[in-house]
């Protein structure tokens, strides 16, 4: 499995796995975009939409603007958590 859902007090806890930081984030994003919806009303219509992409282009852009790789990853992660 590329990711693990964690028992957590927040809305959701995810641990992504990969051979690179990009793969780990991509696999974590897959988990975050997988619907986990519980609906009790049989007449309700529930939909879900998400986009998944690699972060290496965003990482390169932030590093070109003067951030270290660690700082750039931090900015991207904080953006995903908003």
Protein backbone atom coordinates (compact mmCIF):
# COMPACT_ATOMS: atom_id res chain seq x y z
CA UNK A 1 0.00 0.00 0.00
CA UNK A 2 1.25 3.49 -0.86
CA UNK A 3 -0.29 5.16 2.17
CA UNK A 4 -1.68 4.53 5.63
CA UNK A 5 -4.66 6.17 7.31
CA UNK A 6 -3.85 6.93 10.93
CA UNK A 7 -6.14 6.99 13.95
CA UNK A 8 -5.89 10.66 14.81
CA UNK A 9 -7.84 13.32 16.72
CA UNK A 10 -7.73 15.71 13.74
CA UNK A 11 -10.03 15.33 10.74
CA UNK A 12 -7.66 12.80 9.16
CA UNK A 13 -4.15 11.47 9.65
CA UNK A 14 -2.17 10.17 6.65
CA UNK A 15 1.31 8.72 6.22
CA UNK A 16 2.46 8.59 2.57
CA UNK A 17 5.22 6.25 1.39
CA UNK A 18 7.54 6.49 -1.60
CA UNK A 19 11.09 6.18 -2.85
CA UNK A 20 11.31 9.99 -3.16
CA UNK A 21 9.70 12.90 -1.34
CA UNK A 22 7.56 13.52 -4.43
CA UNK A 23 6.24 9.94 -4.41
CA UNK A 24 5.47 10.14 -0.70
CA UNK A 25 3.51 13.39 -1.17
CA UNK A 26 1.75 12.00 -4.24
CA UNK A 27 0.68 8.87 -2.37
CA UNK A 28 -0.41 10.94 0.62
CA UNK A 29 -2.48 13.09 -1.74
CA UNK A 30 -4.14 9.95 -3.12
CA UNK A 31 -5.21 9.04 0.40
CA UNK A 32 -6.42 12.57 1.13
CA UNK A 33 -8.48 12.64 -2.07
CA UNK A 34 -10.13 9.26 -1.53
CA UNK A 35 -13.68 9.92 -0.31
CA UNK A 36 -14.46 8.80 3.23
CA UNK A 37 -18.09 9.85 3.44
CA UNK A 38 -20.85 8.44 5.61
CA UNK A 39 -24.41 9.32 4.55
CA UNK A 40 -27.50 8.23 6.43
CA UNK A 41 -30.18 9.77 4.19
CA UNK A 42 -30.88 7.37 1.29
CA UNK A 43 -32.11 10.29 -0.85
CA UNK A 44 -28.86 12.26 -0.52
CA UNK A 45 -26.67 12.64 -3.59
CA UNK A 46 -23.01 12.72 -2.58
CA UNK A 47 -20.12 13.60 -4.91
CA UNK A 48 -16.38 14.09 -4.51
CA UNK A 49 -13.81 15.80 -6.70
CA UNK A 50 -10.05 16.16 -6.28
CA UNK A 51 -6.88 16.76 -8.26
CA UNK A 52 -3.55 15.04 -7.70
CA UNK A 53 -0.25 16.17 -9.17
CA UNK A 54 3.47 16.02 -8.62
CA UNK A 55 5.08 18.68 -6.46
CA UNK A 56 8.50 18.71 -8.12
CA UNK A 57 7.59 21.64 -10.42
CA UNK A 58 6.29 23.68 -7.47
CA UNK A 59 9.38 22.70 -5.50
CA UNK A 60 11.68 23.88 -8.31
CA UNK A 61 9.80 27.19 -8.59
CA UNK A 62 10.05 27.91 -4.86
CA UNK A 63 13.74 26.97 -4.78
CA UNK A 64 14.39 29.24 -7.80
CA UNK A 65 12.91 32.05 -5.72
CA UNK A 66 15.51 31.49 -3.00
CA UNK A 67 13.99 28.94 -0.63
CA UNK A 68 15.92 25.88 0.48
CA UNK A 69 14.42 22.51 -0.40
CA UNK A 70 13.29 22.07 3.22
CA UNK A 71 11.61 25.50 3.25
CA UNK A 72 9.93 24.84 -0.11
CA UNK A 73 8.55 21.48 1.06
CA UNK A 74 7.27 23.18 4.22
CA UNK A 75 5.45 25.84 2.17
CA UNK A 76 3.86 23.16 -0.05
CA UNK A 77 2.77 21.01 2.90
CA UNK A 78 1.25 23.97 4.73
CA UNK A 79 -0.61 24.85 1.52
CA UNK A 80 -2.03 21.32 1.30
CA UNK A 81 -3.20 21.46 4.91
CA UNK A 82 -5.20 24.67 4.48
